Protein backbone atom coordinates (compact mmCIF):
# COMPACT_ATOMS: atom_id res chain seq x y z
CA MET A 1 19.29 -1.40 71.73
CA LYS A 2 21.89 -4.30 72.47
CA ASN A 3 25.55 -3.76 71.14
CA ASN A 4 26.52 -6.37 68.82
CA SER A 5 30.08 -5.07 68.33
CA LYS A 6 32.85 -8.05 69.55
CA HIS A 7 35.73 -5.15 70.17
CA LYS A 8 36.35 -4.68 73.78
CA GLY A 9 37.39 -1.39 75.32
CA PRO A 10 41.30 -1.68 75.53
CA PHE A 11 41.00 -2.28 71.57
CA LYS A 12 39.16 0.82 70.93
CA ALA A 13 41.59 2.56 73.26
CA SER A 14 44.50 1.68 71.31
CA VAL A 15 43.05 2.62 67.88
CA LEU A 16 42.31 6.02 69.46
CA MET A 17 46.04 6.57 70.22
CA ILE A 18 47.30 5.70 67.04
CA LEU A 19 45.32 8.18 65.11
CA CYS A 20 46.31 10.57 67.56
CA LEU A 21 50.05 9.59 67.30
CA VAL A 22 49.64 9.81 63.37
CA LEU A 23 48.20 13.43 63.78
CA VAL A 24 51.14 14.55 66.19
CA VAL A 25 53.61 13.39 64.00
CA PHE A 26 52.08 15.31 60.83
CA THR A 27 51.33 18.11 62.79
CA ALA A 28 54.70 18.58 64.26
CA CYS A 29 56.72 18.09 61.23
CA ASP A 30 57.15 20.94 59.05
CA TYR A 31 57.70 19.77 55.49
CA GLU A 32 58.08 22.62 52.49
CA TYR A 33 57.94 21.03 48.89
CA GLU A 34 59.53 23.62 46.17
CA LEU A 35 58.45 22.79 42.78
CA PRO A 36 61.25 23.70 40.36
CA GLU A 37 60.54 26.46 38.16
CA ALA A 38 59.52 26.05 34.42
CA ASN A 39 62.80 25.37 31.90
CA SER A 40 65.04 24.93 35.26
CA LYS A 41 67.55 22.10 35.49
CA ALA A 42 69.78 20.83 38.19
CA ASP A 43 73.14 21.91 39.41
CA GLU A 44 74.45 19.53 37.00
CA THR A 45 73.11 21.14 34.20
CA PRO A 46 74.07 25.14 34.48
CA PRO A 47 73.28 27.54 31.86
CA GLN A 48 75.20 28.02 28.89
CA ALA A 49 74.93 31.53 27.16
CA ASN A 50 75.49 31.96 23.26
CA PHE A 51 73.85 33.45 20.40
CA SER A 52 74.12 34.55 16.76
CA ALA A 53 74.23 37.91 15.22
CA THR A 54 72.24 39.09 11.95
CA VAL A 55 72.71 42.60 10.31
CA THR A 56 69.36 43.98 9.22
CA ASP A 57 68.96 45.96 5.66
CA ASP A 58 69.62 48.94 7.88
CA PHE A 59 73.37 48.64 8.38
CA LEU A 60 73.08 50.16 12.17
CA THR A 61 70.49 47.36 13.38
CA TYR A 62 71.27 43.80 14.47
CA THR A 63 69.13 40.67 15.42
CA PHE A 64 70.57 38.56 18.03
CA GLY A 65 69.31 35.17 18.27
CA ASN A 66 69.58 33.20 21.75
CA SER A 67 71.01 30.07 21.45
CA SER A 68 71.20 29.25 25.53
CA THR A 69 70.48 26.44 27.09
CA SER A 70 69.46 25.81 30.52
CA ALA A 71 68.44 28.93 31.72
CA THR A 72 65.13 31.02 32.36
CA ASP A 73 66.34 34.56 32.07
CA TYR A 74 68.61 37.04 29.88
CA LEU A 75 70.21 40.18 30.09
CA TRP A 76 71.52 41.64 27.12
CA ASP A 77 74.10 44.49 26.82
CA TYR A 78 74.64 45.70 23.75
CA GLY A 79 78.11 47.56 24.45
CA ASP A 80 76.47 50.96 23.48
CA GLY A 81 74.58 51.46 26.83
CA ASN A 82 71.49 49.90 25.34
CA THR A 83 70.29 46.78 27.51
CA SER A 84 67.47 44.53 26.96
CA THR A 85 65.89 41.19 28.92
CA GLY A 86 63.94 39.45 26.23
CA VAL A 87 64.77 35.73 24.91
CA ASP A 88 66.13 37.35 21.72
CA GLY A 89 67.92 40.66 21.23
CA ILE A 90 67.78 43.65 19.02
CA ASN A 91 69.85 46.48 18.91
CA THR A 92 70.22 49.90 16.80
CA PHE A 93 73.84 50.71 16.96
CA PRO A 94 74.26 54.80 17.35
CA ASP A 95 76.98 55.15 14.32
CA GLU A 96 79.69 52.72 12.85
CA GLY A 97 82.27 51.17 15.24
CA THR A 98 83.22 48.34 17.31
CA TYR A 99 80.68 46.83 19.93
CA THR A 100 80.98 44.26 22.50
CA VAL A 101 77.73 42.45 23.28
CA SER A 102 77.26 40.04 25.88
CA LEU A 103 74.30 37.65 26.77
CA THR A 104 74.13 36.84 30.37
CA ALA A 105 72.27 33.78 31.07
CA SER A 106 71.09 32.59 34.40
CA ASP A 107 68.20 29.97 35.99
CA LYS A 108 66.12 30.35 38.89
CA LEU A 109 69.20 28.39 41.13
CA GLY A 110 71.30 31.55 40.93
CA VAL A 111 73.79 30.03 38.20
CA SER A 112 74.76 32.21 35.20
CA SER A 113 76.69 32.19 31.89
CA THR A 114 77.96 34.64 29.88
CA TYR A 115 78.57 34.99 26.56
CA LYS A 116 80.23 37.77 24.39
CA MET A 117 80.63 38.58 20.55
CA VAL A 118 82.65 41.42 18.90
CA ILE A 119 80.36 43.64 16.47
CA GLU A 120 82.15 45.47 13.79
CA VAL A 121 79.29 47.70 12.71
CA VAL A 122 80.25 49.27 9.00
CA GLU A 123 78.17 51.12 6.65
CA PRO A 124 78.48 48.77 3.37
CA GLU A 125 79.87 50.50 0.31
CA VAL A 126 77.22 51.21 -2.63
CA PRO A 127 78.04 49.74 -5.69
CA ASP A 128 78.11 50.98 -9.02
CA ALA A 129 75.14 52.00 -10.88
CA ILE A 130 74.46 49.88 -13.97
CA VAL A 131 75.15 52.10 -16.92
CA PRO A 132 72.30 51.08 -19.41
CA LYS A 133 73.54 49.25 -22.45
CA ILE A 134 71.61 50.46 -25.69
CA LEU A 135 72.03 47.94 -28.72
CA ASN A 136 72.41 49.19 -32.38
CA PRO A 137 72.86 52.51 -30.92
CA SER A 138 73.15 54.28 -34.43
CA PHE A 139 71.09 51.41 -36.34
CA ASP A 140 74.29 50.25 -38.24
CA GLU A 141 74.68 47.16 -36.93
CA PRO A 142 73.03 44.16 -38.85
CA GLY A 143 71.43 41.67 -36.19
CA ASP A 144 71.39 37.86 -36.25
CA ASN A 145 68.58 38.21 -39.33
CA GLY A 146 70.69 40.42 -40.93
CA LYS A 147 68.49 43.26 -40.27
CA TYR A 148 69.88 46.75 -39.10
CA THR A 149 66.24 47.27 -37.32
CA SER A 150 67.32 44.39 -34.39
CA PRO A 151 66.78 45.12 -32.07
CA TRP A 152 64.29 47.55 -32.05
CA VAL A 153 61.33 45.74 -33.51
CA ASP A 154 58.56 44.62 -31.39
CA SER A 155 55.89 42.87 -32.93
CA ASN A 156 53.42 44.13 -30.64
CA MET A 157 54.05 48.08 -31.26
CA GLY A 158 53.04 47.76 -34.70
CA LYS A 159 55.07 48.68 -38.09
CA THR A 160 58.51 48.32 -37.94
CA ILE A 161 61.00 51.38 -38.58
CA GLN A 162 63.00 51.57 -41.88
CA ILE A 163 66.56 52.56 -41.89
CA SER A 164 68.27 55.18 -44.25
CA SER A 165 71.57 55.62 -45.37
CA SER A 166 73.15 59.15 -45.55
CA SER A 167 77.25 60.31 -45.05
CA SER A 168 75.36 62.61 -42.85
CA PHE A 169 74.84 60.06 -40.22
CA VAL A 170 77.09 58.37 -37.73
CA GLY A 171 78.14 54.99 -38.89
CA GLY A 172 76.10 55.86 -42.24
CA LYS A 173 72.59 54.83 -40.84
CA ALA A 174 70.11 56.01 -39.26
CA GLY A 175 66.43 54.97 -38.06
CA LYS A 176 63.94 56.25 -40.78
CA PHE A 177 60.26 57.30 -39.71
CA PRO A 178 58.22 58.11 -42.76
CA ASP A 179 54.83 59.81 -43.04
CA ALA A 180 53.07 59.01 -40.02
CA VAL A 181 50.08 59.80 -41.24
CA THR A 182 49.41 56.82 -43.29
CA ASN A 183 52.76 54.61 -42.34
CA THR A 184 52.66 54.20 -38.41
CA ARG A 185 56.13 53.44 -37.73
CA VAL A 186 57.54 52.44 -33.88
CA ALA A 187 61.10 51.61 -32.66
CA TYR A 188 60.83 49.91 -29.11
CA GLN A 189 63.70 48.48 -27.70
CA LYS A 190 62.87 46.74 -23.99
CA ASP A 191 64.82 45.00 -21.11
CA ILE A 192 67.51 47.63 -20.79
CA ALA A 193 68.99 47.00 -17.13
CA VAL A 194 69.25 50.08 -14.88
CA THR A 195 69.70 50.53 -11.10
CA PRO A 196 66.76 51.47 -9.37
CA ASN A 197 66.27 54.61 -7.93
CA THR A 198 69.13 56.04 -9.89
CA GLU A 199 69.83 58.96 -12.04
CA TYR A 200 70.48 58.80 -15.91
CA ALA A 201 70.68 60.57 -18.93
CA ILE A 202 69.94 59.25 -22.28
CA THR A 203 71.55 61.21 -25.25
CA TYR A 204 70.13 60.73 -28.72
CA ASN A 205 70.56 62.96 -32.24
CA TYR A 206 67.40 63.39 -34.19
CA SER A 207 66.48 65.46 -37.64
CA ILE A 208 62.98 65.89 -39.56
CA GLU A 209 62.71 66.63 -43.43
CA THR A 210 61.72 70.31 -43.99
CA GLY A 211 57.66 70.68 -45.00
CA ALA A 212 54.74 70.05 -42.97
CA PRO A 213 55.04 70.59 -39.20
CA SER A 214 56.13 66.96 -38.09
CA SER A 215 57.65 65.63 -34.79
CA VAL A 216 59.94 62.96 -33.48
CA ILE A 217 58.95 61.77 -30.09
CA VAL A 218 61.24 59.64 -27.82
CA ALA A 219 59.96 58.03 -24.35
CA ILE A 220 61.70 56.59 -21.70
CA LEU A 221 59.46 54.06 -19.97
CA GLY A 222 60.04 52.10 -16.39
CA GLY A 223 59.69 48.16 -17.19
CA THR A 224 58.16 46.91 -20.45
CA VAL A 225 55.00 47.25 -22.06
CA THR A 226 53.03 45.10 -24.60
CA SER A 227 51.12 47.45 -26.54
CA LEU A 228 51.44 51.25 -27.49
CA GLY A 229 48.25 52.21 -25.30
CA ASP A 230 50.06 51.16 -22.16
CA ALA A 231 52.97 53.26 -23.01
CA ALA A 232 51.87 56.54 -21.43
CA ALA A 233 51.50 55.38 -17.72
CA ALA A 234 54.63 53.71 -18.00
CA THR A 235 56.54 56.58 -19.24
CA LEU A 236 59.22 58.16 -16.96
CA LYS A 237 60.44 61.27 -19.39
CA SER A 238 60.05 61.93 -23.21
CA HIS A 239 61.06 64.24 -25.38
CA THR A 240 59.14 65.83 -28.54
CA GLY A 241 61.64 67.25 -31.27
CA THR A 242 60.15 69.55 -33.70
CA ILE A 243 63.09 70.85 -35.39
CA GLN A 244 63.36 70.67 -39.18
CA ALA A 245 66.33 71.41 -41.01
CA GLY A 246 66.77 68.16 -43.53
CA LYS A 247 69.09 65.44 -43.07
CA THR A 248 71.63 67.63 -41.68
CA PRO A 249 72.30 69.33 -39.28
CA PHE A 250 70.99 66.88 -36.47
CA GLU A 251 69.84 68.22 -33.22
CA THR A 252 71.53 66.61 -29.94
CA VAL A 253 68.93 65.98 -27.06
CA THR A 254 69.36 64.78 -23.44
CA ILE A 255 66.82 62.95 -21.83
CA THR A 256 67.26 62.83 -17.89
CA PHE A 257 65.33 60.71 -15.41
CA ASN A 258 64.68 58.57 -12.48
CA SER A 259 64.74 54.92 -12.82
CA GLY A 260 62.52 54.72 -9.93
CA ALA A 261 61.79 51.47 -8.50
CA ASN A 262 62.42 49.80 -12.01
CA ASN A 263 65.21 47.23 -12.70
CA SER A 264 65.08 48.00 -16.41
CA ILE A 265 63.65 50.65 -18.68
CA SER A 266 62.32 50.52 -22.59
CA ILE A 267 63.19 53.17 -25.46
CA LEU A 268 60.04 53.74 -27.29
CA ILE A 269 60.40 56.23 -30.83
CA THR A 270 57.41 57.50 -32.69
CA ASN A 271 56.60 60.04 -34.82
CA THR A 272 53.88 62.41 -36.16
CA GLY A 273 53.22 64.64 -39.05
CA THR A 274 54.20 63.58 -42.96
CA GLU A 275 57.78 64.80 -43.05
CA THR A 276 60.17 62.14 -42.32
CA GLY A 277 62.44 62.16 -39.30
CA TYR A 278 65.41 59.98 -38.30
CA VAL A 279 67.03 59.18 -35.27
CA GLU A 280 70.79 57.97 -34.46
CA GLU A 281 73.49 57.81 -31.86
CA PHE A 282 71.62 56.65 -28.64
CA LYS A 283 74.26 56.96 -25.48
CA ALA A 284 73.21 56.02 -22.07
CA ALA A 285 75.05 57.27 -18.81
CA VAL A 286 74.76 57.50 -15.14
CA ASN A 287 74.02 61.62 -14.50
CA GLU A 288 75.98 61.96 -11.14
């Protein structure tokens, strides 16, 4: 076949020579390209270590929020022999005391920065427990409505109690619970503030007229209830008084209980039988 190429031999030789030179140059040179590590920056922006400290509900345990810049690696030293290498830190110190916590932040270029903070580990003081405040504890103080039954009345609980007057009673009056068979009477005071998980004691006086067997029941409830049917499940402790000695002398009863998880308690008073019962002189205290 006839060769129609217009290029002559010398031209081909020149092209081949150029290609060879290019190959030689790229073969002879040893180029290395190193990509920067993630989050690393040039030397003009070296790492700056910094962090904040927050105490948890356990006063011995702190969390540390890392706010360092231009860093990829971290070393925490908590000053008690413990270390870690995470971005953020957490540590439980062995006891109360002063500890110097340090964070060393570095980048892939080997540049590092250290920030230190002095931590005072102190067990907080436990606040004094709330002493429950029982309103109108002897039923001898008229409320805003002028009634001595206030604040022992709750419309969800049925008939209100009555008030009896006698020189035998402290303050001259007492809560009265007549015949329970035909007249259901309930005293209920709610929203009495307490400290959770605290031991308490509530003291009161009661008496029952002589006659057929009867009783006066005082129950301490956790929180509030909206019906008598819910009272049993909410009862923390109760006392059933059965001594019948007339209006005097009164029997003194102390109910001790733990408030549990409750921020408030209620006092529920009911009676059984056909003889009249009386209650008065409620007092509450922290049971130390």
